[in-house]
Protein backbone atom coordinates (compact mmCIF):
# COMPACT_ATOMS: atom_id res chain seq x y z
CA MET A 1 110.45 54.54 98.23
CA ASN A 2 106.78 54.91 99.14
CA ILE A 3 104.95 57.98 100.42
CA ARG A 4 105.20 56.91 104.06
CA ASP A 5 108.99 56.48 103.87
CA ALA A 6 109.44 59.69 101.89
CA LEU A 7 107.57 61.72 104.49
CA ALA A 8 109.51 60.16 107.35
CA LEU A 9 112.83 60.91 105.65
CA ALA A 10 111.84 64.48 104.86
CA GLU A 11 110.61 65.18 108.38
CA GLN A 12 113.88 63.88 109.80
CA ARG A 13 115.98 66.05 107.49
CA LEU A 14 113.90 69.19 107.95
CA THR A 15 113.89 68.75 111.72
CA ALA A 16 117.69 68.58 111.68
CA ALA A 17 117.73 71.73 109.54
CA ALA A 18 115.57 73.55 112.14
CA VAL A 19 112.72 74.14 109.69
CA ILE A 20 109.54 75.17 111.51
CA ASP A 21 106.73 72.58 111.39
CA PRO A 22 108.75 69.96 109.50
CA ARG A 23 105.88 67.46 109.26
CA ARG A 24 103.60 69.90 107.47
CA GLU A 25 106.42 71.13 105.26
CA SER A 26 107.37 67.56 104.33
CA ALA A 27 103.85 66.81 103.16
CA SER A 28 103.59 70.08 101.23
CA LEU A 29 106.92 69.46 99.49
CA LEU A 30 106.03 65.90 98.53
CA ALA A 31 102.59 66.87 97.25
CA PHE A 32 104.16 69.60 95.13
CA ALA A 33 106.95 67.36 93.83
CA ILE A 34 104.66 64.56 92.65
CA GLY A 35 101.74 66.76 91.53
CA ARG A 36 99.22 65.35 94.04
CA ASP A 37 97.25 66.90 96.85
CA ARG A 38 97.77 66.15 100.52
CA THR A 39 94.59 64.09 100.66
CA PHE A 40 96.23 61.64 98.26
CA LEU A 41 99.27 61.37 100.53
CA ILE A 42 97.09 60.53 103.52
CA ALA A 43 94.96 58.03 101.60
CA HIS A 44 97.84 56.25 99.84
CA PRO A 45 100.87 55.99 102.17
CA GLU A 46 101.93 52.80 100.39
CA HIS A 47 102.10 54.47 96.96
CA GLU A 48 105.52 53.84 95.44
CA LEU A 49 107.19 56.88 93.94
CA THR A 50 108.45 56.59 90.39
CA SER A 51 112.11 57.35 89.81
CA GLY A 52 111.11 60.72 88.39
CA GLU A 53 108.92 61.54 91.39
CA GLU A 54 111.66 60.53 93.78
CA ALA A 55 114.21 62.68 91.95
CA ALA A 56 111.86 65.67 91.96
CA PHE A 57 111.16 65.21 95.65
CA ASN A 58 114.85 64.96 96.54
CA SER A 59 115.52 68.14 94.57
CA VAL A 60 112.93 70.24 96.39
CA LEU A 61 113.85 68.66 99.72
CA ASP A 62 117.49 69.64 99.23
CA ARG A 63 116.42 73.21 98.59
CA ARG A 64 114.14 73.38 101.62
CA GLU A 65 116.77 71.75 103.81
CA ALA A 66 119.04 74.65 102.85
CA ARG A 67 116.24 76.91 104.20
CA GLU A 68 115.09 78.22 100.83
CA PRO A 69 111.50 79.42 101.36
CA PHE A 70 108.79 77.00 100.27
CA GLN A 71 107.19 79.80 98.27
CA TYR A 72 110.27 80.28 96.10
CA ILE A 73 110.46 76.54 95.50
CA THR A 74 106.85 76.37 94.32
CA GLY A 75 106.88 79.84 92.77
CA ARG A 76 103.59 80.89 94.33
CA GLN A 77 101.94 82.28 97.44
CA GLU A 78 98.31 82.94 98.35
CA PHE A 79 97.47 86.49 99.40
CA PHE A 80 94.06 88.07 99.98
CA GLY A 81 92.39 85.02 98.46
CA LEU A 82 94.44 85.20 95.25
CA GLU A 83 97.44 83.18 94.12
CA PHE A 84 100.52 85.23 93.27
CA ALA A 85 103.66 84.24 91.41
CA VAL A 86 106.76 84.89 93.50
CA THR A 87 110.46 84.73 92.70
CA PRO A 88 113.60 85.65 94.67
CA ASP A 89 113.30 89.10 93.05
CA VAL A 90 110.33 89.98 95.28
CA LEU A 91 109.29 89.68 98.89
CA ILE A 92 106.98 86.80 99.74
CA PRO A 93 103.52 88.28 100.49
CA ARG A 94 102.63 88.03 104.16
CA PRO A 95 99.30 88.00 106.02
CA GLU A 96 99.99 91.26 107.86
CA THR A 97 100.24 93.08 104.54
CA GLU A 98 96.62 92.18 103.87
CA LEU A 99 95.78 94.88 106.44
CA VAL A 100 96.97 97.50 103.96
CA VAL A 101 94.70 96.07 101.28
CA GLU A 102 91.70 95.86 103.61
CA ALA A 103 92.14 99.46 104.75
CA ALA A 104 92.59 100.72 101.19
CA ILE A 105 89.43 99.00 99.97
CA ARG A 106 87.43 100.24 102.95
CA ILE A 107 88.48 103.85 102.30
CA LEU A 108 88.23 103.83 98.51
CA GLU A 109 85.09 101.78 97.93
CA PRO A 110 82.72 104.73 98.46
CA GLN A 111 84.93 106.98 96.29
CA GLN A 112 85.02 105.08 93.01
CA PRO A 113 86.54 105.52 90.51
CA ALA A 114 89.86 106.06 92.28
CA ARG A 115 93.43 106.44 91.09
CA ILE A 116 96.08 104.69 93.24
CA CYS A 117 99.87 104.61 93.37
CA GLU A 118 101.93 101.87 95.00
CA VAL A 119 105.54 102.66 95.88
CA GLY A 120 107.70 99.52 95.82
CA VAL A 121 105.22 97.32 94.00
CA GLY A 122 107.24 94.09 94.29
CA SER A 123 105.06 91.11 93.40
CA GLY A 124 102.11 93.44 92.97
CA CYS A 125 100.17 91.72 95.73
CA ILE A 126 98.88 94.97 97.27
CA VAL A 127 97.84 96.92 94.21
CA VAL A 128 96.63 93.90 92.24
CA SER A 129 94.45 92.82 95.17
CA ILE A 130 92.99 96.32 95.46
CA LEU A 131 92.27 96.53 91.73
CA HIS A 132 90.77 93.04 91.77
CA SER A 133 88.28 94.19 94.41
CA LEU A 134 87.63 97.71 93.07
CA LYS A 135 86.65 97.22 89.44
CA ASP A 136 86.59 100.93 88.58
CA ALA A 137 89.97 101.79 90.13
CA THR A 138 93.19 102.35 88.17
CA ALA A 139 96.74 102.43 89.44
CA VAL A 140 100.44 103.07 88.88
CA GLY A 141 102.99 100.71 90.43
CA LEU A 142 106.54 101.94 91.03
CA ASP A 143 109.63 99.86 91.73
CA ILE A 144 113.37 100.36 91.38
CA SER A 145 113.79 96.71 90.31
CA PRO A 146 112.99 95.81 86.69
CA ALA A 147 112.85 92.13 87.72
CA ALA A 148 110.21 92.91 90.35
CA LEU A 149 108.19 94.85 87.79
CA ARG A 150 108.15 91.78 85.53
CA VAL A 151 106.73 89.69 88.37
CA ALA A 152 104.10 92.33 89.12
CA ASP A 153 103.13 92.43 85.45
CA GLN A 154 102.73 88.64 85.43
CA ASN A 155 100.44 88.81 88.46
CA ALA A 156 98.42 91.67 87.01
CA GLU A 157 97.85 89.61 83.87
CA ARG A 158 96.94 86.53 85.92
CA HIS A 159 94.23 88.38 87.81
CA GLY A 160 92.83 90.41 84.93
CA VAL A 161 93.87 93.90 86.04
CA ALA A 162 96.81 94.58 83.70
CA ASP A 163 94.73 97.01 81.64
CA ARG A 164 94.20 99.15 84.77
CA LEU A 165 97.77 99.00 86.14
CA GLU A 166 100.70 100.94 84.71
CA LEU A 167 104.11 99.77 85.94
CA ARG A 168 107.07 102.17 86.00
CA GLU A 169 110.70 101.85 87.04
CA SER A 170 111.25 104.47 89.73
CA ASP A 171 113.23 105.13 92.92
CA ILE A 172 110.31 106.07 95.16
CA PHE A 173 108.96 109.05 93.15
CA THR A 174 112.14 109.71 91.10
CA PRO A 175 111.69 110.23 88.20
CA PHE A 176 107.99 110.94 88.24
CA GLY A 177 105.63 113.47 86.72
CA ASN A 178 103.05 115.69 88.37
CA GLU A 179 100.21 113.17 88.44
CA ARG A 180 98.11 113.09 91.60
CA PHE A 181 96.35 110.16 93.23
CA MET A 182 93.51 109.51 95.63
CA MET A 183 95.76 107.11 97.54
CA ILE A 184 99.41 106.10 97.85
CA VAL A 185 100.19 102.71 99.39
CA SER A 186 103.51 101.12 100.25
CA ASN A 187 105.18 98.25 102.07
CA PRO A 188 108.62 99.89 102.15
CA PRO A 189 111.94 98.39 103.33
CA TYR A 190 111.66 99.00 107.08
CA VAL A 191 113.99 96.44 108.70
CA PRO A 192 116.89 98.25 110.46
CA ALA A 193 120.29 97.18 109.13
CA ASP A 194 121.31 96.07 112.63
CA ASP A 195 118.40 93.63 112.72
CA MET A 196 119.21 91.90 109.44
CA PRO A 197 121.52 89.25 110.99
CA THR A 198 118.72 88.26 113.39
CA LEU A 199 116.16 87.48 110.68
CA GLN A 200 114.96 83.94 110.07
CA SER A 201 117.27 82.21 107.58
CA GLU A 202 114.48 81.95 104.99
CA VAL A 203 114.21 85.74 105.02
CA GLY A 204 117.77 86.92 105.56
CA LEU A 205 119.42 84.49 103.16
CA PHE A 206 116.88 84.42 100.34
CA GLU A 207 114.53 87.41 100.19
CA PRO A 208 115.80 90.54 98.37
CA HIS A 209 117.65 92.76 100.83
CA MET A 210 116.76 95.94 98.95
CA ALA A 211 113.09 95.18 99.67
CA LEU A 212 113.75 94.42 103.34
CA THR A 213 116.07 97.15 104.59
CA ASP A 214 117.20 100.66 103.77
CA GLY A 215 120.66 99.81 105.08
CA ALA A 216 120.15 102.29 107.91
CA ASP A 217 117.61 102.69 110.71
CA GLY A 218 114.77 101.15 108.72
CA LEU A 219 112.93 104.44 108.43
CA SER A 220 114.80 106.48 105.81
CA ILE A 221 112.52 105.37 102.96
CA VAL A 222 109.44 105.79 105.16
CA ARG A 223 110.57 109.38 105.80
CA ARG A 224 110.96 110.05 102.09
CA ILE A 225 107.55 108.65 101.25
CA ILE A 226 105.83 110.68 103.96
CA ALA A 227 107.71 113.84 103.00
CA GLU A 228 107.15 113.52 99.23
CA SER A 229 103.64 112.05 99.09
CA PRO A 230 101.83 115.40 99.49
CA ASN A 231 103.23 116.36 96.08
CA PHE A 232 101.42 113.41 94.50
CA LEU A 233 98.13 113.25 96.40
CA VAL A 234 94.93 115.12 95.70
CA ALA A 235 93.65 117.30 98.54
CA GLY A 236 92.12 114.93 101.08
CA GLY A 237 94.00 111.97 99.61
CA TRP A 238 95.31 109.08 101.67
CA LEU A 239 98.68 107.50 102.48
CA LEU A 240 98.88 103.91 103.76
CA LEU A 241 102.19 102.43 104.92
CA GLU A 242 103.16 99.10 106.44
CA ILE A 243 105.68 99.59 109.25
CA GLY A 244 107.75 97.39 111.51
CA PHE A 245 107.58 96.35 115.15
CA GLY A 246 108.12 99.24 117.57
CA GLN A 247 108.23 101.93 114.86
CA HIS A 248 104.82 103.56 115.17
CA GLU A 249 105.79 106.34 117.59
CA ARG A 250 108.72 107.45 115.44
CA VAL A 251 106.59 107.21 112.31
CA ARG A 252 103.80 109.24 113.94
CA ALA A 253 106.32 112.02 114.61
CA MET A 254 107.05 112.21 110.87
CA PHE A 255 103.50 113.34 110.06
CA ASP A 256 103.25 117.13 110.27
CA ASP A 257 99.82 117.91 111.71
CA ALA A 258 99.68 121.02 109.55
CA VAL A 259 99.85 118.76 106.49
CA TRP A 260 98.19 115.52 107.61
CA THR A 261 95.03 114.63 109.51
CA GLU A 262 93.32 111.45 110.71
CA VAL A 263 96.65 109.73 111.40
CA VAL A 264 96.00 106.29 112.89
CA PHE A 265 97.86 103.00 113.25
CA LEU A 266 96.01 99.75 112.64
CA PRO A 267 97.10 96.70 114.67
CA ASP A 268 97.87 93.28 113.24
CA LEU A 269 96.49 90.06 114.73
CA GLN A 270 99.14 90.22 117.49
CA GLY A 271 98.07 93.75 118.40
CA ILE A 272 101.22 95.32 116.92
CA PRO A 273 100.66 98.70 115.21
CA ARG A 274 101.38 97.62 111.63
CA THR A 275 99.64 99.93 109.15
CA ALA A 276 99.92 103.72 109.22
CA VAL A 277 96.93 105.52 107.73
CA ALA A 278 97.01 109.27 107.17
CA ARG A 279 94.94 111.75 105.20
CA LEU A 280 96.29 114.84 103.49
CA ARG A 281 94.42 117.87 104.76
CA PRO A 282 91.79 119.17 102.34
CA GLU A 283 92.60 122.55 100.83
């Protein structure tokens, strides 16, 4: 089988499996399977695959045909200009989450050195990206999943920030001490339980449900973070939260104006309010 035939076969199978953009996915899978770049595929359509290359390609194609995310197959995903290791124990980093990182850097850059806490660290993409940009910042990353913490640790090591990031197993802030931070950031589970069956197969079947949904209205963990964060922020400290579609009005109502100030919602590229930013009132 040559490259041309392999791509045609893959596109046919992925089309039948309702994979979005099957032509692009076919090329990405083949390039990954045979250890070449896509330029090589274009330049050498007549290249005959070895038996090992063909077996590797069939293996990854079978997985993608079953709608396993490409990122879990390759074990990596780019985020904020960095490459992160990803496994089925963590959410796949998404472009809209970069808004949290951008806002955090913009706020903290003039206030270095800063101490940060991420609730639900997952792959570490948020806090590692912040630390990579802010060389004097330090952070604590919390997650209830030991497997997720191992992935975050791997990514912190990869990007040279492990010495500035302490990872702890924790259910939101339980158990936690009395340490206070300049900023708390989180991409919490915000998908309502009723919406889970409607998710794209790649998400609903493969990504960790505990990182996607609270099993309720999608806002119970958001409520806890907003309610408990004042206990762990310095006066005038900041809370940044990613939220879901259509949630910003209900989330805004959770911020007590006697406690919080400068509450705003930053839109994503589709204009959807996606990142909640709030500041704890100075004493």
